[in-house]
Amino acid sequence: MTTQTVNPHSLTLPKALVTLLAGALFGLGLSVSTMVQPEVVLGFLQFKDWGLMLVMGGAAGMALLAYKGFARWVKHPLLGGQFLTQPARWNRQTVIGSAIFGIGWGLSGVCPGPAIAALGTGNTDVLWALGGMVLGALTHGLTDKESSVGSPTR
């Protein structure tokens, strides 16, 4: 008799449904908070509109609870698997990538999550920004020595 090992991180129907629901809730929250409108985001970045400060503060607080508190309160994830940690590594690429991201966000008012949610609201003007994000990710993937074939995983 052979025993079959199951990958605890494999995608099952319940995990897929919860992921879909979480993504839809995230997109709805971005739409309701008007983060899908680049002009609102630019107003926030120029310190003219403080409404998004509450949205971002609430999101940061929830993320802190989720990443730091949930793993302490619940022994295992609700749908199986285990809690994973991602050690933070600051290096030259992180600083340069962060600067490029910030400059792009400041010039366009478009962030990846809200851009995808904006497509769901019919705002196709963000397609050029999404194209730039895809091009940047592709460029990084092709030039990053650590992510090349044959190198150790992160």
C-alpha atoms as a PDB file:
ATOM      1  CA  MET A   1       0.000   0.000   0.000  1.00  0.00           C
ATOM      2  CA  THR A   2       1.445   3.349  -1.005  1.00  0.00           C
ATOM      3  CA  THR A   3       0.635   6.582   0.689  1.00  0.00           C
ATOM      4  CA  GLN A   4       0.164   9.640  -1.420  1.00  0.00           C
ATOM      5  CA  THR A   5       1.685  12.886  -0.237  1.00  0.00           C
ATOM      6  CA  VAL A   6      -0.397  15.950  -0.855  1.00  0.00           C
ATOM      7  CA  ASN A   7       1.219  19.320  -1.443  1.00  0.00           C
ATOM      8  CA  PRO A   8      -0.284  21.581   1.266  1.00  0.00           C
ATOM      9  CA  HIS A   9       0.152  24.592  -1.033  1.00  0.00           C
ATOM     10  CA  SER A  10      -1.670  23.152  -4.028  1.00  0.00           C
ATOM     11  CA  LEU A  11      -4.705  24.997  -5.307  1.00  0.00           C
ATOM     12  CA  THR A  12      -7.961  23.310  -4.405  1.00  0.00           C
ATOM     13  CA  LEU A  13     -11.482  24.427  -5.261  1.00  0.00           C
ATOM     14  CA  PRO A  14     -12.102  25.954  -1.792  1.00  0.00           C
ATOM     15  CA  LYS A  15      -8.760  27.831  -1.963  1.00  0.00           C
ATOM     16  CA  ALA A  16      -9.566  29.051  -5.479  1.00  0.00           C
ATOM     17  CA  LEU A  17     -13.007  30.292  -4.390  1.00  0.00           C
ATOM     18  CA  VAL A  18     -11.621  32.065  -1.317  1.00  0.00           C
ATOM     19  CA  THR A  19      -8.889  33.633  -3.477  1.00  0.00           C
ATOM     20  CA  LEU A  20     -11.484  34.805  -6.004  1.00  0.00           C
ATOM     21  CA  LEU A  21     -13.684  36.212  -3.238  1.00  0.00           C
ATOM     22  CA  ALA A  22     -10.725  38.002  -1.603  1.00  0.00           C
ATOM     23  CA  GLY A  23      -9.676  39.492  -4.942  1.00  0.00           C
ATOM     24  CA  ALA A  24     -13.211  40.660  -5.690  1.00  0.00           C
ATOM     25  CA  LEU A  25     -13.506  42.211  -2.217  1.00  0.00           C
ATOM     26  CA  PHE A  26     -10.129  43.930  -2.685  1.00  0.00           C
ATOM     27  CA  GLY A  27     -11.171  45.288  -6.077  1.00  0.00           C
ATOM     28  CA  LEU A  28     -14.499  46.486  -4.685  1.00  0.00           C
ATOM     29  CA  GLY A  29     -12.709  48.252  -1.843  1.00  0.00           C
ATOM     30  CA  LEU A  30     -10.349  49.955  -4.287  1.00  0.00           C
ATOM     31  CA  SER A  31     -13.289  51.065  -6.420  1.00  0.00           C
ATOM     32  CA  VAL A  32     -15.343  52.374  -3.502  1.00  0.00           C
ATOM     33  CA  SER A  33     -12.318  54.241  -2.119  1.00  0.00           C
ATOM     34  CA  THR A  34     -11.708  55.794  -5.583  1.00  0.00           C
ATOM     35  CA  MET A  35      -8.141  54.456  -5.745  1.00  0.00           C
ATOM     36  CA  VAL A  36      -8.977  53.310  -9.283  1.00  0.00           C
ATOM     37  CA  GLN A  37      -9.062  56.943 -10.433  1.00  0.00           C
ATOM     38  CA  PRO A  38      -5.530  58.184 -11.174  1.00  0.00           C
ATOM     39  CA  GLU A  39      -6.549  61.832 -10.686  1.00  0.00           C
ATOM     40  CA  VAL A  40      -7.681  61.065  -7.109  1.00  0.00           C
ATOM     41  CA  VAL A  41      -4.420  59.256  -6.389  1.00  0.00           C
ATOM     42  CA  LEU A  42      -2.396  62.138  -7.815  1.00  0.00           C
ATOM     43  CA  GLY A  43      -4.369  64.557  -5.603  1.00  0.00           C
ATOM     44  CA  PHE A  44      -3.441  62.408  -2.617  1.00  0.00           C
ATOM     45  CA  LEU A  45       0.240  62.273  -3.617  1.00  0.00           C
ATOM     46  CA  GLN A  46       0.255  66.070  -3.985  1.00  0.00           C
ATOM     47  CA  PHE A  47      -1.249  66.446  -0.478  1.00  0.00           C
ATOM     48  CA  LYS A  48      -4.445  67.971  -1.885  1.00  0.00           C
ATOM     49  CA  ASP A  49      -6.788  65.070  -1.004  1.00  0.00           C
ATOM     50  CA  TRP A  50      -6.418  63.393   2.377  1.00  0.00           C
ATOM     51  CA  GLY A  51      -9.230  60.859   1.921  1.00  0.00           C
ATOM     52  CA  LEU A  52      -6.911  58.170   0.625  1.00  0.00           C
ATOM     53  CA  MET A  53      -4.721  58.572   3.718  1.00  0.00           C
ATOM     54  CA  LEU A  54      -7.512  56.914   5.718  1.00  0.00           C
ATOM     55  CA  VAL A  55      -7.803  54.150   3.126  1.00  0.00           C
ATOM     56  CA  MET A  56      -4.059  53.474   3.096  1.00  0.00           C
ATOM     57  CA  GLY A  57      -3.826  53.701   6.876  1.00  0.00           C
ATOM     58  CA  GLY A  58      -6.642  51.208   7.267  1.00  0.00           C
ATOM     59  CA  ALA A  59      -5.043  48.884   4.717  1.00  0.00           C
ATOM     60  CA  ALA A  60      -1.656  49.101   6.455  1.00  0.00           C
ATOM     61  CA  GLY A  61      -3.285  48.325   9.797  1.00  0.00           C
ATOM     62  CA  MET A  62      -5.125  45.321   8.408  1.00  0.00           C
ATOM     63  CA  ALA A  63      -1.943  44.056   6.720  1.00  0.00           C
ATOM     64  CA  LEU A  64      -0.054  44.382   9.996  1.00  0.00           C
ATOM     65  CA  LEU A  65      -2.731  42.368  11.787  1.00  0.00           C
ATOM     66  CA  ALA A  66      -2.788  39.742   9.053  1.00  0.00           C
ATOM     67  CA  TYR A  67       0.963  39.242   8.787  1.00  0.00           C
ATOM     68  CA  LYS A  68       1.964  39.604  12.416  1.00  0.00           C
ATOM     69  CA  GLY A  69      -1.113  38.640  14.408  1.00  0.00           C
ATOM     70  CA  PHE A  70      -3.010  35.985  12.486  1.00  0.00           C
ATOM     71  CA  ALA A  71      -0.197  33.433  12.533  1.00  0.00           C
ATOM     72  CA  ARG A  72       0.003  33.829  16.316  1.00  0.00           C
ATOM     73  CA  TRP A  73      -3.732  33.445  16.882  1.00  0.00           C
ATOM     74  CA  VAL A  74      -4.367  30.548  14.497  1.00  0.00           C
ATOM     75  CA  LYS A  75      -2.119  27.498  14.466  1.00  0.00           C
ATOM     76  CA  HIS A  76      -2.610  26.605  10.777  1.00  0.00           C
ATOM     77  CA  PRO A  77      -4.182  28.397   7.811  1.00  0.00           C
ATOM     78  CA  LEU A  78      -7.916  27.731   7.607  1.00  0.00           C
ATOM     79  CA  LEU A  79      -7.665  25.894   4.278  1.00  0.00           C
ATOM     80  CA  GLY A  80      -4.524  23.873   5.025  1.00  0.00           C
ATOM     81  CA  GLY A  81      -0.832  24.348   4.489  1.00  0.00           C
ATOM     82  CA  GLN A  82       1.400  26.379   6.743  1.00  0.00           C
ATOM     83  CA  PHE A  83       2.215  30.012   7.330  1.00  0.00           C
ATOM     84  CA  LEU A  84       5.305  31.072   5.415  1.00  0.00           C
ATOM     85  CA  THR A  85       7.677  33.924   6.081  1.00  0.00           C
ATOM     86  CA  GLN A  86       9.488  35.992   3.499  1.00  0.00           C
ATOM     87  CA  PRO A  87      12.680  37.484   4.864  1.00  0.00           C
ATOM     88  CA  ALA A  88      13.222  41.057   3.781  1.00  0.00           C
ATOM     89  CA  ARG A  89      16.448  41.669   1.908  1.00  0.00           C
ATOM     90  CA  TRP A  90      17.483  45.209   1.157  1.00  0.00           C
ATOM     91  CA  ASN A  91      19.948  45.545  -1.650  1.00  0.00           C
ATOM     92  CA  ARG A  92      20.708  47.824  -4.559  1.00  0.00           C
ATOM     93  CA  GLN A  93      18.011  46.274  -6.752  1.00  0.00           C
ATOM     94  CA  THR A  94      15.369  46.751  -4.054  1.00  0.00           C
ATOM     95  CA  VAL A  95      16.198  50.444  -3.710  1.00  0.00           C
ATOM     96  CA  ILE A  96      16.312  51.040  -7.471  1.00  0.00           C
ATOM     97  CA  GLY A  97      13.092  49.083  -8.051  1.00  0.00           C
ATOM     98  CA  SER A  98      11.334  50.973  -5.256  1.00  0.00           C
ATOM     99  CA  ALA A  99      12.438  54.287  -6.723  1.00  0.00           C
ATOM    100  CA  ILE A 100      11.241  53.331 -10.201  1.00  0.00           C
ATOM    101  CA  PHE A 101       7.912  52.160  -8.779  1.00  0.00           C
ATOM    102  CA  GLY A 102       7.479  55.373  -6.769  1.00  0.00           C
ATOM    103  CA  ILE A 103       8.365  57.603  -9.696  1.00  0.00           C
ATOM    104  CA  GLY A 104       5.967  55.734 -11.974  1.00  0.00           C
ATOM    105  CA  TRP A 105       3.205  55.894  -9.378  1.00  0.00           C
ATOM    106  CA  GLY A 106       3.813  59.598  -8.817  1.00  0.00           C
ATOM    107  CA  LEU A 107       3.787  60.440 -12.522  1.00  0.00           C
ATOM    108  CA  SER A 108       0.788  58.324 -13.501  1.00  0.00           C
ATOM    109  CA  GLY A 109      -1.256  57.919 -10.328  1.00  0.00           C
ATOM    110  CA  VAL A 110      -1.560  54.226 -11.193  1.00  0.00           C
ATOM    111  CA  CYS A 111      -0.589  51.342  -8.908  1.00  0.00           C
ATOM    112  CA  PRO A 112      -0.809  47.680 -10.076  1.00  0.00           C
ATOM    113  CA  GLY A 113      -3.718  46.542  -7.877  1.00  0.00           C
ATOM    114  CA  PRO A 114      -5.914  49.571  -8.501  1.00  0.00           C
ATOM    115  CA  ALA A 115      -5.032  49.469 -12.220  1.00  0.00           C
ATOM    116  CA  ILE A 116      -6.453  45.971 -12.562  1.00  0.00           C
ATOM    117  CA  ALA A 117      -9.500  46.980 -10.513  1.00  0.00           C
ATOM    118  CA  ALA A 118      -9.868  50.058 -12.760  1.00  0.00           C
ATOM    119  CA  LEU A 119     -10.171  47.758 -15.769  1.00  0.00           C
ATOM    120  CA  GLY A 120     -13.074  46.106 -13.965  1.00  0.00           C
ATOM    121  CA  THR A 121     -14.787  49.494 -13.727  1.00  0.00           C
ATOM    122  CA  GLY A 122     -14.309  50.075 -17.459  1.00  0.00           C
ATOM    123  CA  ASN A 123     -11.408  52.514 -17.148  1.00  0.00           C
ATOM    124  CA  THR A 124      -9.313  51.411 -20.119  1.00  0.00           C
ATOM    125  CA  ASP A 125      -7.089  54.503 -19.877  1.00  0.00           C
ATOM    126  CA  VAL A 126      -4.922  52.554 -17.418  1.00  0.00           C
ATOM    127  CA  LEU A 127      -3.940  50.011 -20.082  1.00  0.00           C
ATOM    128  CA  TRP A 128      -0.854  52.031 -21.018  1.00  0.00           C
ATOM    129  CA  ALA A 129       0.280  51.996 -17.377  1.00  0.00           C
ATOM    130  CA  LEU A 130      -0.343  48.257 -17.080  1.00  0.00           C
ATOM    131  CA  GLY A 131       1.664  47.773 -20.266  1.00  0.00           C
ATOM    132  CA  GLY A 132       4.552  49.650 -18.667  1.00  0.00           C
ATOM    133  CA  MET A 133       4.309  47.487 -15.555  1.00  0.00           C
ATOM    134  CA  VAL A 134       4.374  44.308 -17.647  1.00  0.00           C
ATOM    135  CA  LEU A 135       7.349  45.618 -19.624  1.00  0.00           C
ATOM    136  CA  GLY A 136       9.190  46.478 -16.399  1.00  0.00           C
ATOM    137  CA  ALA A 137       8.484  43.060 -14.870  1.00  0.00           C
ATOM    138  CA  LEU A 138       9.592  41.335 -18.074  1.00  0.00           C
ATOM    139  CA  THR A 139      12.787  43.397 -18.192  1.00  0.00           C
ATOM    140  CA  HIS A 140      13.521  42.544 -14.568  1.00  0.00           C
ATOM    141  CA  GLY A 141      12.886  38.853 -15.182  1.00  0.00           C
ATOM    142  CA  LEU A 142      15.219  38.813 -18.167  1.00  0.00           C
ATOM    143  CA  THR A 143      18.023  40.751 -16.467  1.00  0.00           C
ATOM    144  CA  ASP A 144      17.886  39.514 -12.853  1.00  0.00           C
ATOM    145  CA  LYS A 145      20.783  37.110 -12.308  1.00  0.00           C
ATOM    146  CA  GLU A 146      19.119  35.482  -9.277  1.00  0.00           C
ATOM    147  CA  SER A 147      15.957  34.540 -11.179  1.00  0.00           C
ATOM    148  CA  SER A 148      17.777  33.066 -14.175  1.00  0.00           C
ATOM    149  CA  VAL A 149      17.519  29.352 -14.985  1.00  0.00           C
ATOM    150  CA  GLY A 150      19.716  27.162 -12.847  1.00  0.00           C
ATOM    151  CA  SER A 151      20.121  29.593  -9.974  1.00  0.00           C
ATOM    152  CA  PRO A 152      18.883  28.828  -6.449  1.00  0.00           C
ATOM    153  CA  THR A 153      15.360  29.900  -5.632  1.00  0.00           C
ATOM    154  CA  ARG A 154      14.770  32.807  -3.312  1.00  0.00           C
END
